[in-house]
Amino acid sequence: MMTYNNILINIHEHILTITVNRPDKLNALNAQTIQEIGDAVKRGEDNKEIAGIIITGSGTKAFIAGADISEFSKYSVEEGKALSAAGHKVFKSIELCKKPVIAAVNGFALGGG
């Protein structure tokens, strides 16, 4: 699997754990994090050694605190629409994943979280 900047991945006993790792931002979703989650879920689904996927957040306060408004507030309308579409595509890929996906919610789960 590739290296990510905003998520951590771990494979243990055929389970892929994806940890959103932005505790200083309460794991808020920015464009890069959304892309990384989508990539990790796809790789997990395609990997025959993976039986299931867990998504969780790092830190003690939040699972995912929604969108990273500090980044998105600078977007044009077109950029915002494109990002929203990308986010919906990732969430849909999680929903339709051929393998079980579980959210290990540990703290606040707000907005897209």
C-alpha atoms as a PDB file:
ATOM      1  CA  MET A   1       0.000   0.000   0.000  1.00  0.00           C
ATOM      2  CA  MET A   2       1.099   3.543  -0.614  1.00  0.00           C
ATOM      3  CA  THR A   3       2.137   6.151   1.926  1.00  0.00           C
ATOM      4  CA  TYR A   4      -0.502   8.627   3.079  1.00  0.00           C
ATOM      5  CA  ASN A   5      -0.218  12.018   4.800  1.00  0.00           C
ATOM      6  CA  ASN A   6      -3.561  12.252   6.617  1.00  0.00           C
ATOM      7  CA  ILE A   7      -4.496   8.667   7.326  1.00  0.00           C
ATOM      8  CA  LEU A   8      -2.777   5.717   8.927  1.00  0.00           C
ATOM      9  CA  ILE A   9      -3.345   2.190   7.710  1.00  0.00           C
ATOM     10  CA  ASN A  10      -2.792  -1.073   9.495  1.00  0.00           C
ATOM     11  CA  ILE A  11      -3.529  -4.631   8.460  1.00  0.00           C
ATOM     12  CA  HIS A  12      -3.983  -7.158  11.243  1.00  0.00           C
ATOM     13  CA  GLU A  13      -5.599 -10.578  10.910  1.00  0.00           C
ATOM     14  CA  HIS A  14      -7.059  -9.718   7.480  1.00  0.00           C
ATOM     15  CA  ILE A  15      -8.666  -6.490   8.716  1.00  0.00           C
ATOM     16  CA  LEU A  16      -7.623  -3.152   7.246  1.00  0.00           C
ATOM     17  CA  THR A  17      -7.896  -0.306   9.746  1.00  0.00           C
ATOM     18  CA  ILE A  18      -7.966   3.202   8.282  1.00  0.00           C
ATOM     19  CA  THR A  19      -7.345   5.887  10.903  1.00  0.00           C
ATOM     20  CA  VAL A  20      -8.017   9.510   9.972  1.00  0.00           C
ATOM     21  CA  ASN A  21      -4.966  11.159  11.520  1.00  0.00           C
ATOM     22  CA  ARG A  22      -5.569  14.894  11.859  1.00  0.00           C
ATOM     23  CA  PRO A  23      -6.204  15.197  15.610  1.00  0.00           C
ATOM     24  CA  ASP A  24      -5.125  18.862  15.639  1.00  0.00           C
ATOM     25  CA  LYS A  25      -8.089  19.525  13.291  1.00  0.00           C
ATOM     26  CA  LEU A  26     -10.390  17.030  15.084  1.00  0.00           C
ATOM     27  CA  ASN A  27      -9.905  14.794  12.030  1.00  0.00           C
ATOM     28  CA  ALA A  28     -11.844  17.211   9.826  1.00  0.00           C
ATOM     29  CA  LEU A  29     -11.994  16.126   6.194  1.00  0.00           C
ATOM     30  CA  ASN A  30      -9.999  18.156   3.701  1.00  0.00           C
ATOM     31  CA  ALA A  31      -9.603  17.334   0.001  1.00  0.00           C
ATOM     32  CA  GLN A  32      -6.449  15.273   0.511  1.00  0.00           C
ATOM     33  CA  THR A  33      -7.952  13.248   3.363  1.00  0.00           C
ATOM     34  CA  ILE A  34     -11.060  12.456   1.322  1.00  0.00           C
ATOM     35  CA  GLN A  35      -8.875  11.281  -1.565  1.00  0.00           C
ATOM     36  CA  GLU A  36      -6.702   9.174   0.742  1.00  0.00           C
ATOM     37  CA  ILE A  37      -9.706   7.481   2.365  1.00  0.00           C
ATOM     38  CA  GLY A  38     -11.127   6.674  -1.060  1.00  0.00           C
ATOM     39  CA  ASP A  39      -7.823   5.226  -2.220  1.00  0.00           C
ATOM     40  CA  ALA A  40      -7.356   3.124   0.924  1.00  0.00           C
ATOM     41  CA  VAL A  41     -10.906   1.726   0.753  1.00  0.00           C
ATOM     42  CA  LYS A  42     -10.441   0.827  -2.918  1.00  0.00           C
ATOM     43  CA  ARG A  43      -7.108  -0.867  -2.232  1.00  0.00           C
ATOM     44  CA  GLY A  44      -8.647  -2.761   0.680  1.00  0.00           C
ATOM     45  CA  GLU A  45     -11.579  -3.891  -1.443  1.00  0.00           C
ATOM     46  CA  ASP A  46      -9.241  -5.046  -4.227  1.00  0.00           C
ATOM     47  CA  ASN A  47      -6.850  -6.867  -1.859  1.00  0.00           C
ATOM     48  CA  LYS A  48      -7.851 -10.535  -1.591  1.00  0.00           C
ATOM     49  CA  GLU A  49      -6.066 -10.762   1.770  1.00  0.00           C
ATOM     50  CA  ILE A  50      -8.412  -8.172   3.338  1.00  0.00           C
ATOM     51  CA  ALA A  51     -11.685  -9.510   4.774  1.00  0.00           C
ATOM     52  CA  GLY A  52     -13.063  -6.255   6.200  1.00  0.00           C
ATOM     53  CA  ILE A  53     -12.324  -2.580   6.804  1.00  0.00           C
ATOM     54  CA  ILE A  54     -12.562  -0.437   9.938  1.00  0.00           C
ATOM     55  CA  ILE A  55     -12.526   3.368   9.713  1.00  0.00           C
ATOM     56  CA  THR A  56     -11.707   5.328  12.869  1.00  0.00           C
ATOM     57  CA  GLY A  57     -10.190   8.622  13.974  1.00  0.00           C
ATOM     58  CA  SER A  58      -7.038   9.400  15.929  1.00  0.00           C
ATOM     59  CA  GLY A  59      -7.021  11.301  19.190  1.00  0.00           C
ATOM     60  CA  THR A  60      -9.572  11.316  21.970  1.00  0.00           C
ATOM     61  CA  LYS A  61     -12.028  14.045  20.979  1.00  0.00           C
ATOM     62  CA  ALA A  62     -13.356  13.294  17.534  1.00  0.00           C
ATOM     63  CA  PHE A  63     -13.972  10.496  15.081  1.00  0.00           C
ATOM     64  CA  ILE A  64     -14.408  13.031  12.250  1.00  0.00           C
ATOM     65  CA  ALA A  65     -15.536  16.607  12.839  1.00  0.00           C
ATOM     66  CA  GLY A  66     -17.045  17.105   9.383  1.00  0.00           C
ATOM     67  CA  ALA A  67     -15.499  19.196   6.646  1.00  0.00           C
ATOM     68  CA  ASP A  68     -12.353  21.259   7.121  1.00  0.00           C
ATOM     69  CA  ILE A  69     -14.044  24.622   6.657  1.00  0.00           C
ATOM     70  CA  SER A  70     -10.706  26.485   6.901  1.00  0.00           C
ATOM     71  CA  GLU A  71      -9.688  24.882   3.594  1.00  0.00           C
ATOM     72  CA  PHE A  72     -13.062  24.882   1.847  1.00  0.00           C
ATOM     73  CA  SER A  73     -13.885  28.518   2.581  1.00  0.00           C
ATOM     74  CA  LYS A  74     -11.238  29.505   0.007  1.00  0.00           C
ATOM     75  CA  TYR A  75     -12.843  27.454  -2.790  1.00  0.00           C
ATOM     76  CA  SER A  76     -14.774  28.903  -5.714  1.00  0.00           C
ATOM     77  CA  VAL A  77     -18.302  27.631  -6.333  1.00  0.00           C
ATOM     78  CA  GLU A  78     -16.984  25.271  -9.011  1.00  0.00           C
ATOM     79  CA  GLU A  79     -14.218  23.952  -6.750  1.00  0.00           C
ATOM     80  CA  GLY A  80     -16.745  23.432  -3.960  1.00  0.00           C
ATOM     81  CA  LYS A  81     -19.051  21.477  -6.247  1.00  0.00           C
ATOM     82  CA  ALA A  82     -16.153  19.322  -7.479  1.00  0.00           C
ATOM     83  CA  LEU A  83     -15.031  18.604  -3.922  1.00  0.00           C
ATOM     84  CA  SER A  84     -18.579  17.752  -2.854  1.00  0.00           C
ATOM     85  CA  ALA A  85     -18.889  15.347  -5.790  1.00  0.00           C
ATOM     86  CA  ALA A  86     -15.552  13.726  -4.895  1.00  0.00           C
ATOM     87  CA  GLY A  87     -16.660  13.318  -1.285  1.00  0.00           C
ATOM     88  CA  HIS A  88     -19.968  11.763  -2.317  1.00  0.00           C
ATOM     89  CA  LYS A  89     -18.098   9.371  -4.607  1.00  0.00           C
ATOM     90  CA  VAL A  90     -15.883   8.226  -1.717  1.00  0.00           C
ATOM     91  CA  PHE A  91     -18.843   7.828   0.653  1.00  0.00           C
ATOM     92  CA  LYS A  92     -20.716   5.859  -2.031  1.00  0.00           C
ATOM     93  CA  SER A  93     -17.675   3.604  -2.525  1.00  0.00           C
ATOM     94  CA  ILE A  94     -17.728   2.859   1.206  1.00  0.00           C
ATOM     95  CA  GLU A  95     -21.473   2.148   1.075  1.00  0.00           C
ATOM     96  CA  LEU A  96     -21.125  -0.182  -1.913  1.00  0.00           C
ATOM     97  CA  CYS A  97     -17.863  -1.843  -0.838  1.00  0.00           C
ATOM     98  CA  LYS A  98     -17.991  -5.593  -1.419  1.00  0.00           C
ATOM     99  CA  LYS A  99     -16.392  -6.111   1.979  1.00  0.00           C
ATOM    100  CA  PRO A 100     -17.831  -5.102   5.356  1.00  0.00           C
ATOM    101  CA  VAL A 101     -16.881  -1.575   6.418  1.00  0.00           C
ATOM    102  CA  ILE A 102     -17.316  -0.598  10.069  1.00  0.00           C
ATOM    103  CA  ALA A 103     -16.968   2.859  11.590  1.00  0.00           C
ATOM    104  CA  ALA A 104     -15.312   2.718  15.001  1.00  0.00           C
ATOM    105  CA  VAL A 105     -16.700   6.064  16.190  1.00  0.00           C
ATOM    106  CA  ASN A 106     -14.543   7.429  18.981  1.00  0.00           C
ATOM    107  CA  GLY A 107     -15.771  10.883  19.904  1.00  0.00           C
ATOM    108  CA  PHE A 108     -17.579  13.569  17.930  1.00  0.00           C
ATOM    109  CA  ALA A 109     -18.970  12.535  14.550  1.00  0.00           C
ATOM    110  CA  LEU A 110     -20.168  15.739  12.896  1.00  0.00           C
ATOM    111  CA  GLY A 111     -21.234  16.675   9.371  1.00  0.00           C
ATOM    112  CA  GLY A 112     -19.692  14.257   6.876  1.00  0.00           C
ATOM    113  CA  GLY A 113     -18.217  12.337   9.798  1.00  0.00           C
END
